[in-house]
mmCIF file of all heavy atoms, coordinates in Angstrom:
data_MODEL
# 
_entry.id   MODEL 
# 
loop_
_atom_site.group_PDB 
_atom_site.id 
_atom_site.type_symbol 
_atom_site.label_atom_id 
_atom_site.label_alt_id 
_atom_site.label_comp_id 
_atom_site.label_asym_id 
_atom_site.label_entity_id 
_atom_site.label_seq_id 
_atom_site.pdbx_PDB_ins_code 
_atom_site.Cartn_x 
_atom_site.Cartn_y 
_atom_site.Cartn_z 
_atom_site.occupancy 
_atom_site.B_iso_or_equiv 
_atom_site.pdbx_formal_charge 
_atom_site.auth_seq_id 
_atom_site.auth_comp_id 
_atom_site.auth_asym_id 
_atom_site.auth_atom_id 
_atom_site.pdbx_PDB_model_num 
ATOM 1   N N   . ASP A 1 1  ? 5.081   -1.726 6.056   1.00 0.00 ? 1  ASP A N   1 
ATOM 2   C CA  . ASP A 1 1  ? 6.210   -0.799 6.008   1.00 0.00 ? 1  ASP A CA  1 
ATOM 3   C C   . ASP A 1 1  ? 6.678   -0.518 7.426   1.00 0.00 ? 1  ASP A C   1 
ATOM 4   O O   . ASP A 1 1  ? 5.867   -0.197 8.297   1.00 0.00 ? 1  ASP A O   1 
ATOM 5   C CB  . ASP A 1 1  ? 5.804   0.520  5.323   1.00 0.00 ? 1  ASP A CB  1 
ATOM 6   C CG  . ASP A 1 1  ? 6.974   1.495  5.224   1.00 0.00 ? 1  ASP A CG  1 
ATOM 7   O OD1 . ASP A 1 1  ? 8.075   1.059  4.830   1.00 0.00 ? 1  ASP A OD1 1 
ATOM 8   O OD2 . ASP A 1 1  ? 6.790   2.685  5.554   1.00 0.00 ? 1  ASP A OD2 1 
ATOM 9   N N   . GLN A 1 2  ? 7.980   -0.709 7.653   1.00 0.00 ? 2  GLN A N   1 
ATOM 10  C CA  . GLN A 1 2  ? 8.584   -0.461 8.959   1.00 0.00 ? 2  GLN A CA  1 
ATOM 11  C C   . GLN A 1 2  ? 7.825   -1.176 10.078  1.00 0.00 ? 2  GLN A C   1 
ATOM 12  O O   . GLN A 1 2  ? 7.602   -0.633 11.156  1.00 0.00 ? 2  GLN A O   1 
ATOM 13  C CB  . GLN A 1 2  ? 8.672   1.044  9.221   1.00 0.00 ? 2  GLN A CB  1 
ATOM 14  C CG  . GLN A 1 2  ? 9.557   1.758  8.204   1.00 0.00 ? 2  GLN A CG  1 
ATOM 15  C CD  . GLN A 1 2  ? 9.641   3.255  8.433   1.00 0.00 ? 2  GLN A CD  1 
ATOM 16  O OE1 . GLN A 1 2  ? 8.903   3.835  9.240   1.00 0.00 ? 2  GLN A OE1 1 
ATOM 17  N NE2 . GLN A 1 2  ? 10.551  3.901  7.732   1.00 0.00 ? 2  GLN A NE2 1 
ATOM 18  N N   . GLY A 1 3  ? 7.416   -2.404 9.777   1.00 0.00 ? 3  GLY A N   1 
ATOM 19  C CA  . GLY A 1 3  ? 6.757   -3.232 10.783  1.00 0.00 ? 3  GLY A CA  1 
ATOM 20  C C   . GLY A 1 3  ? 5.290   -2.961 11.001  1.00 0.00 ? 3  GLY A C   1 
ATOM 21  O O   . GLY A 1 3  ? 4.661   -3.604 11.842  1.00 0.00 ? 3  GLY A O   1 
ATOM 22  N N   . LYS A 1 4  ? 4.708   -2.045 10.239  1.00 0.00 ? 4  LYS A N   1 
ATOM 23  C CA  . LYS A 1 4  ? 3.301   -1.697 10.417  1.00 0.00 ? 4  LYS A CA  1 
ATOM 24  C C   . LYS A 1 4  ? 2.491   -2.109 9.191   1.00 0.00 ? 4  LYS A C   1 
ATOM 25  O O   . LYS A 1 4  ? 2.968   -2.003 8.062   1.00 0.00 ? 4  LYS A O   1 
ATOM 26  C CB  . LYS A 1 4  ? 3.147   -0.197 10.651  1.00 0.00 ? 4  LYS A CB  1 
ATOM 27  C CG  . LYS A 1 4  ? 3.836   0.300  11.919  1.00 0.00 ? 4  LYS A CG  1 
ATOM 28  C CD  . LYS A 1 4  ? 3.681   1.799  12.071  1.00 0.00 ? 4  LYS A CD  1 
ATOM 29  C CE  . LYS A 1 4  ? 4.390   2.295  13.332  1.00 0.00 ? 4  LYS A CE  1 
ATOM 30  N NZ  . LYS A 1 4  ? 4.272   3.774  13.483  1.00 0.00 ? 4  LYS A NZ  1 
ATOM 31  N N   . LEU A 1 5  ? 1.275   -2.580 9.419   1.00 0.00 ? 5  LEU A N   1 
ATOM 32  C CA  . LEU A 1 5  ? 0.364   -2.918 8.336   1.00 0.00 ? 5  LEU A CA  1 
ATOM 33  C C   . LEU A 1 5  ? -0.365  -1.636 7.921   1.00 0.00 ? 5  LEU A C   1 
ATOM 34  O O   . LEU A 1 5  ? -1.192  -1.111 8.661   1.00 0.00 ? 5  LEU A O   1 
ATOM 35  C CB  . LEU A 1 5  ? -0.638  -3.980 8.795   1.00 0.00 ? 5  LEU A CB  1 
ATOM 36  C CG  . LEU A 1 5  ? -1.641  -4.463 7.754   1.00 0.00 ? 5  LEU A CG  1 
ATOM 37  C CD1 . LEU A 1 5  ? -0.928  -5.165 6.599   1.00 0.00 ? 5  LEU A CD1 1 
ATOM 38  C CD2 . LEU A 1 5  ? -2.671  -5.398 8.388   1.00 0.00 ? 5  LEU A CD2 1 
ATOM 39  N N   . LEU A 1 6  ? -0.048  -1.138 6.715   1.00 0.00 ? 6  LEU A N   1 
ATOM 40  C CA  . LEU A 1 6  ? -0.622  0.119  6.256   1.00 0.00 ? 6  LEU A CA  1 
ATOM 41  C C   . LEU A 1 6  ? -1.934  -0.064 5.510   1.00 0.00 ? 6  LEU A C   1 
ATOM 42  O O   . LEU A 1 6  ? -2.766  0.840  5.501   1.00 0.00 ? 6  LEU A O   1 
ATOM 43  C CB  . LEU A 1 6  ? 0.373   0.858  5.350   1.00 0.00 ? 6  LEU A CB  1 
ATOM 44  C CG  . LEU A 1 6  ? 1.725   1.225  5.963   1.00 0.00 ? 6  LEU A CG  1 
ATOM 45  C CD1 . LEU A 1 6  ? 2.517   2.089  4.982   1.00 0.00 ? 6  LEU A CD1 1 
ATOM 46  C CD2 . LEU A 1 6  ? 1.550   1.938  7.295   1.00 0.00 ? 6  LEU A CD2 1 
ATOM 47  N N   . ALA A 1 7  ? -2.094  -1.213 4.846   1.00 0.00 ? 7  ALA A N   1 
ATOM 48  C CA  . ALA A 1 7  ? -3.317  -1.440 4.082   1.00 0.00 ? 7  ALA A CA  1 
ATOM 49  C C   . ALA A 1 7  ? -3.479  -2.930 3.837   1.00 0.00 ? 7  ALA A C   1 
ATOM 50  O O   . ALA A 1 7  ? -2.502  -3.671 3.749   1.00 0.00 ? 7  ALA A O   1 
ATOM 51  C CB  . ALA A 1 7  ? -3.274  -0.694 2.746   1.00 0.00 ? 7  ALA A CB  1 
ATOM 52  N N   . CYS A 1 8  ? -4.730  -3.364 3.705   1.00 0.00 ? 8  CYS A N   1 
ATOM 53  C CA  . CYS A 1 8  ? -5.018  -4.758 3.367   1.00 0.00 ? 8  CYS A CA  1 
ATOM 54  C C   . CYS A 1 8  ? -6.349  -4.788 2.618   1.00 0.00 ? 8  CYS A C   1 
ATOM 55  O O   . CYS A 1 8  ? -7.336  -4.211 3.087   1.00 0.00 ? 8  CYS A O   1 
ATOM 56  C CB  . CYS A 1 8  ? -5.092  -5.627 4.621   1.00 0.00 ? 8  CYS A CB  1 
ATOM 57  S SG  . CYS A 1 8  ? -5.370  -7.387 4.257   1.00 0.00 ? 8  CYS A SG  1 
ATOM 58  N N   . GLY A 1 9  ? -6.344  -5.435 1.457   1.00 0.00 ? 9  GLY A N   1 
ATOM 59  C CA  . GLY A 1 9  ? -7.590  -5.508 0.714   1.00 0.00 ? 9  GLY A CA  1 
ATOM 60  C C   . GLY A 1 9  ? -7.382  -5.770 -0.760  1.00 0.00 ? 9  GLY A C   1 
ATOM 61  O O   . GLY A 1 9  ? -6.480  -6.517 -1.153  1.00 0.00 ? 9  GLY A O   1 
ATOM 62  N N   . ASP A 1 10 ? -8.205  -5.138 -1.579  1.00 0.00 ? 10 ASP A N   1 
ATOM 63  C CA  . ASP A 1 10 ? -8.220  -5.342 -3.027  1.00 0.00 ? 10 ASP A CA  1 
ATOM 64  C C   . ASP A 1 10 ? -6.869  -4.956 -3.642  1.00 0.00 ? 10 ASP A C   1 
ATOM 65  O O   . ASP A 1 10 ? -6.430  -3.810 -3.505  1.00 0.00 ? 10 ASP A O   1 
ATOM 66  C CB  . ASP A 1 10 ? -9.334  -4.476 -3.625  1.00 0.00 ? 10 ASP A CB  1 
ATOM 67  C CG  . ASP A 1 10 ? -9.532  -4.713 -5.111  1.00 0.00 ? 10 ASP A CG  1 
ATOM 68  O OD1 . ASP A 1 10 ? -8.624  -5.249 -5.771  1.00 0.00 ? 10 ASP A OD1 1 
ATOM 69  O OD2 . ASP A 1 10 ? -10.614 -4.354 -5.614  1.00 0.00 ? 10 ASP A OD2 1 
ATOM 70  N N   . PRO A 1 11 ? -6.194  -5.898 -4.338  1.00 0.00 ? 11 PRO A N   1 
ATOM 71  C CA  . PRO A 1 11 ? -4.883  -5.575 -4.923  1.00 0.00 ? 11 PRO A CA  1 
ATOM 72  C C   . PRO A 1 11 ? -4.920  -4.395 -5.877  1.00 0.00 ? 11 PRO A C   1 
ATOM 73  O O   . PRO A 1 11 ? -4.005  -3.558 -5.871  1.00 0.00 ? 11 PRO A O   1 
ATOM 74  C CB  . PRO A 1 11 ? -4.514  -6.869 -5.664  1.00 0.00 ? 11 PRO A CB  1 
ATOM 75  C CG  . PRO A 1 11 ? -5.254  -7.939 -4.957  1.00 0.00 ? 11 PRO A CG  1 
ATOM 76  C CD  . PRO A 1 11 ? -6.543  -7.322 -4.528  1.00 0.00 ? 11 PRO A CD  1 
ATOM 77  N N   . ALA A 1 12 ? -5.973  -4.292 -6.698  1.00 0.00 ? 12 ALA A N   1 
ATOM 78  C CA  . ALA A 1 12 ? -6.052  -3.207 -7.669  1.00 0.00 ? 12 ALA A CA  1 
ATOM 79  C C   . ALA A 1 12 ? -6.083  -1.848 -6.988  1.00 0.00 ? 12 ALA A C   1 
ATOM 80  O O   . ALA A 1 12 ? -5.455  -0.885 -7.451  1.00 0.00 ? 12 ALA A O   1 
ATOM 81  C CB  . ALA A 1 12 ? -7.277  -3.387 -8.558  1.00 0.00 ? 12 ALA A CB  1 
ATOM 82  N N   . VAL A 1 13 ? -6.796  -1.769 -5.878  1.00 0.00 ? 13 VAL A N   1 
ATOM 83  C CA  . VAL A 1 13 ? -6.899  -0.498 -5.147  1.00 0.00 ? 13 VAL A CA  1 
ATOM 84  C C   . VAL A 1 13 ? -5.570  -0.149 -4.481  1.00 0.00 ? 13 VAL A C   1 
ATOM 85  O O   . VAL A 1 13 ? -5.082  0.978  -4.578  1.00 0.00 ? 13 VAL A O   1 
ATOM 86  C CB  . VAL A 1 13 ? -8.019  -0.582 -4.089  1.00 0.00 ? 13 VAL A CB  1 
ATOM 87  C CG1 . VAL A 1 13 ? -8.026  0.670  -3.215  1.00 0.00 ? 13 VAL A CG1 1 
ATOM 88  C CG2 . VAL A 1 13 ? -9.365  -0.768 -4.770  1.00 0.00 ? 13 VAL A CG2 1 
ATOM 89  N N   . ILE A 1 14 ? -4.954  -1.121 -3.824  1.00 0.00 ? 14 ILE A N   1 
ATOM 90  C CA  . ILE A 1 14 ? -3.714  -0.865 -3.094  1.00 0.00 ? 14 ILE A CA  1 
ATOM 91  C C   . ILE A 1 14 ? -2.575  -0.513 -4.043  1.00 0.00 ? 14 ILE A C   1 
ATOM 92  O O   . ILE A 1 14 ? -1.795  0.406  -3.783  1.00 0.00 ? 14 ILE A O   1 
ATOM 93  C CB  . ILE A 1 14 ? -3.355  -2.078 -2.225  1.00 0.00 ? 14 ILE A CB  1 
ATOM 94  C CG1 . ILE A 1 14 ? -4.388  -2.213 -1.098  1.00 0.00 ? 14 ILE A CG1 1 
ATOM 95  C CG2 . ILE A 1 14 ? -1.947  -1.956 -1.648  1.00 0.00 ? 14 ILE A CG2 1 
ATOM 96  C CD1 . ILE A 1 14 ? -4.213  -3.445 -0.238  1.00 0.00 ? 14 ILE A CD1 1 
ATOM 97  N N   . LEU A 1 15 ? -2.477  -1.204 -5.174  1.00 0.00 ? 15 LEU A N   1 
ATOM 98  C CA  . LEU A 1 15 ? -1.375  -0.953 -6.109  1.00 0.00 ? 15 LEU A CA  1 
ATOM 99  C C   . LEU A 1 15 ? -1.494  0.400  -6.803  1.00 0.00 ? 15 LEU A C   1 
ATOM 100 O O   . LEU A 1 15 ? -0.505  0.928  -7.325  1.00 0.00 ? 15 LEU A O   1 
ATOM 101 C CB  . LEU A 1 15 ? -1.312  -2.072 -7.152  1.00 0.00 ? 15 LEU A CB  1 
ATOM 102 C CG  . LEU A 1 15 ? -0.866  -3.439 -6.623  1.00 0.00 ? 15 LEU A CG  1 
ATOM 103 C CD1 . LEU A 1 15 ? -1.002  -4.500 -7.703  1.00 0.00 ? 15 LEU A CD1 1 
ATOM 104 C CD2 . LEU A 1 15 ? 0.573   -3.376 -6.113  1.00 0.00 ? 15 LEU A CD2 1 
ATOM 105 N N   . LYS A 1 16 ? -2.691  0.961  -6.804  1.00 0.00 ? 16 LYS A N   1 
ATOM 106 C CA  . LYS A 1 16 ? -2.887  2.269  -7.430  1.00 0.00 ? 16 LYS A CA  1 
ATOM 107 C C   . LYS A 1 16 ? -2.725  3.419  -6.450  1.00 0.00 ? 16 LYS A C   1 
ATOM 108 O O   . LYS A 1 16 ? -2.765  4.590  -6.851  1.00 0.00 ? 16 LYS A O   1 
ATOM 109 C CB  . LYS A 1 16 ? -4.278  2.333  -8.072  1.00 0.00 ? 16 LYS A CB  1 
ATOM 110 C CG  . LYS A 1 16 ? -4.423  1.468  -9.315  1.00 0.00 ? 16 LYS A CG  1 
ATOM 111 C CD  . LYS A 1 16 ? -5.822  1.578  -9.896  1.00 0.00 ? 16 LYS A CD  1 
ATOM 112 C CE  . LYS A 1 16 ? -5.972  0.688  -11.133 1.00 0.00 ? 16 LYS A CE  1 
ATOM 113 N NZ  . LYS A 1 16 ? -7.355  0.756  -11.683 1.00 0.00 ? 16 LYS A NZ  1 
ATOM 114 N N   . ASP A 1 17 ? -2.546  3.113  -5.172  1.00 0.00 ? 17 ASP A N   1 
ATOM 115 C CA  . ASP A 1 17 ? -2.410  4.168  -4.161  1.00 0.00 ? 17 ASP A CA  1 
ATOM 116 C C   . ASP A 1 17 ? -1.049  4.849  -4.319  1.00 0.00 ? 17 ASP A C   1 
ATOM 117 O O   . ASP A 1 17 ? -0.008  4.210  -4.143  1.00 0.00 ? 17 ASP A O   1 
ATOM 118 C CB  . ASP A 1 17 ? -2.529  3.555  -2.767  1.00 0.00 ? 17 ASP A CB  1 
ATOM 119 C CG  . ASP A 1 17 ? -2.558  4.598  -1.669  1.00 0.00 ? 17 ASP A CG  1 
ATOM 120 O OD1 . ASP A 1 17 ? -1.633  5.432  -1.608  1.00 0.00 ? 17 ASP A OD1 1 
ATOM 121 O OD2 . ASP A 1 17 ? -3.499  4.567  -0.856  1.00 0.00 ? 17 ASP A OD2 1 
ATOM 122 N N   . PRO A 1 18 ? -1.019  6.134  -4.654  1.00 0.00 ? 18 PRO A N   1 
ATOM 123 C CA  . PRO A 1 18 ? 0.265   6.805  -4.917  1.00 0.00 ? 18 PRO A CA  1 
ATOM 124 C C   . PRO A 1 18 ? 1.183   6.866  -3.705  1.00 0.00 ? 18 PRO A C   1 
ATOM 125 O O   . PRO A 1 18 ? 2.408   6.789  -3.845  1.00 0.00 ? 18 PRO A O   1 
ATOM 126 C CB  . PRO A 1 18 ? -0.146  8.208  -5.384  1.00 0.00 ? 18 PRO A CB  1 
ATOM 127 C CG  . PRO A 1 18 ? -1.542  8.399  -4.869  1.00 0.00 ? 18 PRO A CG  1 
ATOM 128 C CD  . PRO A 1 18 ? -2.166  7.046  -4.854  1.00 0.00 ? 18 PRO A CD  1 
ATOM 129 N N   . GLN A 1 19 ? 0.627   6.988  -2.507  1.00 0.00 ? 19 GLN A N   1 
ATOM 130 C CA  . GLN A 1 19 ? 1.464   7.045  -1.308  1.00 0.00 ? 19 GLN A CA  1 
ATOM 131 C C   . GLN A 1 19 ? 2.137   5.702  -1.046  1.00 0.00 ? 19 GLN A C   1 
ATOM 132 O O   . GLN A 1 19 ? 3.327   5.638  -0.713  1.00 0.00 ? 19 GLN A O   1 
ATOM 133 C CB  . GLN A 1 19 ? 0.626   7.463  -0.103  1.00 0.00 ? 19 GLN A CB  1 
ATOM 134 C CG  . GLN A 1 19 ? 0.134   8.905  -0.169  1.00 0.00 ? 19 GLN A CG  1 
ATOM 135 C CD  . GLN A 1 19 ? -0.654  9.292  1.065   1.00 0.00 ? 19 GLN A CD  1 
ATOM 136 O OE1 . GLN A 1 19 ? -1.319  8.456  1.685   1.00 0.00 ? 19 GLN A OE1 1 
ATOM 137 N NE2 . GLN A 1 19 ? -0.585  10.557 1.432   1.00 0.00 ? 19 GLN A NE2 1 
ATOM 138 N N   . LEU A 1 20 ? 1.395   4.607  -1.215  1.00 0.00 ? 20 LEU A N   1 
ATOM 139 C CA  . LEU A 1 20 ? 1.973   3.286  -1.016  1.00 0.00 ? 20 LEU A CA  1 
ATOM 140 C C   . LEU A 1 20 ? 2.995   2.971  -2.101  1.00 0.00 ? 20 LEU A C   1 
ATOM 141 O O   . LEU A 1 20 ? 4.036   2.361  -1.832  1.00 0.00 ? 20 LEU A O   1 
ATOM 142 C CB  . LEU A 1 20 ? 0.877   2.216  -0.994  1.00 0.00 ? 20 LEU A CB  1 
ATOM 143 C CG  . LEU A 1 20 ? -0.153  2.324  0.136   1.00 0.00 ? 20 LEU A CG  1 
ATOM 144 C CD1 . LEU A 1 20 ? -1.177  1.203  0.042   1.00 0.00 ? 20 LEU A CD1 1 
ATOM 145 C CD2 . LEU A 1 20 ? 0.522   2.315  1.502   1.00 0.00 ? 20 LEU A CD2 1 
ATOM 146 N N   . ALA A 1 21 ? 2.710   3.395  -3.332  1.00 0.00 ? 21 ALA A N   1 
ATOM 147 C CA  . ALA A 1 21 ? 3.661   3.177  -4.424  1.00 0.00 ? 21 ALA A CA  1 
ATOM 148 C C   . ALA A 1 21 ? 4.966   3.911  -4.156  1.00 0.00 ? 21 ALA A C   1 
ATOM 149 O O   . ALA A 1 21 ? 6.060   3.390  -4.418  1.00 0.00 ? 21 ALA A O   1 
ATOM 150 C CB  . ALA A 1 21 ? 3.048   3.636  -5.742  1.00 0.00 ? 21 ALA A CB  1 
ATOM 151 N N   . ALA A 1 22 ? 4.877   5.127  -3.611  1.00 0.00 ? 22 ALA A N   1 
ATOM 152 C CA  . ALA A 1 22 ? 6.084   5.891  -3.303  1.00 0.00 ? 22 ALA A CA  1 
ATOM 153 C C   . ALA A 1 22 ? 6.919   5.182  -2.244  1.00 0.00 ? 22 ALA A C   1 
ATOM 154 O O   . ALA A 1 22 ? 8.153   5.137  -2.326  1.00 0.00 ? 22 ALA A O   1 
ATOM 155 C CB  . ALA A 1 22 ? 5.698   7.290  -2.833  1.00 0.00 ? 22 ALA A CB  1 
ATOM 156 N N   . ILE A 1 23 ? 6.257   4.606  -1.241  1.00 0.00 ? 23 ILE A N   1 
ATOM 157 C CA  . ILE A 1 23 ? 6.974   3.854  -0.206  1.00 0.00 ? 23 ILE A CA  1 
ATOM 158 C C   . ILE A 1 23 ? 7.626   2.612  -0.813  1.00 0.00 ? 23 ILE A C   1 
ATOM 159 O O   . ILE A 1 23 ? 8.790   2.319  -0.565  1.00 0.00 ? 23 ILE A O   1 
ATOM 160 C CB  . ILE A 1 23 ? 6.011   3.455  0.936   1.00 0.00 ? 23 ILE A CB  1 
ATOM 161 C CG1 . ILE A 1 23 ? 5.545   4.695  1.691   1.00 0.00 ? 23 ILE A CG1 1 
ATOM 162 C CG2 . ILE A 1 23 ? 6.684   2.481  1.893   1.00 0.00 ? 23 ILE A CG2 1 
ATOM 163 C CD1 . ILE A 1 23 ? 4.444   4.421  2.696   1.00 0.00 ? 23 ILE A CD1 1 
ATOM 164 N N   . TYR A 1 24 ? 6.857   1.903  -1.620  1.00 0.00 ? 24 TYR A N   1 
ATOM 165 C CA  . TYR A 1 24 ? 7.349   0.642  -2.187  1.00 0.00 ? 24 TYR A CA  1 
ATOM 166 C C   . TYR A 1 24 ? 8.568   0.870  -3.075  1.00 0.00 ? 24 TYR A C   1 
ATOM 167 O O   . TYR A 1 24 ? 9.534   0.089  -3.025  1.00 0.00 ? 24 TYR A O   1 
ATOM 168 C CB  . TYR A 1 24 ? 6.244   -0.026 -3.013  1.00 0.00 ? 24 TYR A CB  1 
ATOM 169 C CG  . TYR A 1 24 ? 6.607   -1.391 -3.514  1.00 0.00 ? 24 TYR A CG  1 
ATOM 170 C CD1 . TYR A 1 24 ? 6.467   -2.505 -2.694  1.00 0.00 ? 24 TYR A CD1 1 
ATOM 171 C CD2 . TYR A 1 24 ? 7.107   -1.582 -4.798  1.00 0.00 ? 24 TYR A CD2 1 
ATOM 172 C CE1 . TYR A 1 24 ? 6.815   -3.776 -3.140  1.00 0.00 ? 24 TYR A CE1 1 
ATOM 173 C CE2 . TYR A 1 24 ? 7.457   -2.841 -5.251  1.00 0.00 ? 24 TYR A CE2 1 
ATOM 174 C CZ  . TYR A 1 24 ? 7.306   -3.933 -4.417  1.00 0.00 ? 24 TYR A CZ  1 
ATOM 175 O OH  . TYR A 1 24 ? 7.661   -5.180 -4.863  1.00 0.00 ? 24 TYR A OH  1 
# 
């Protein structure tokens, strides 16, 4: 997001993150 790597790892964990979902 905005040129920064916010998270990297398990897809199930990242897709369930409410903050990342709000950004996406």
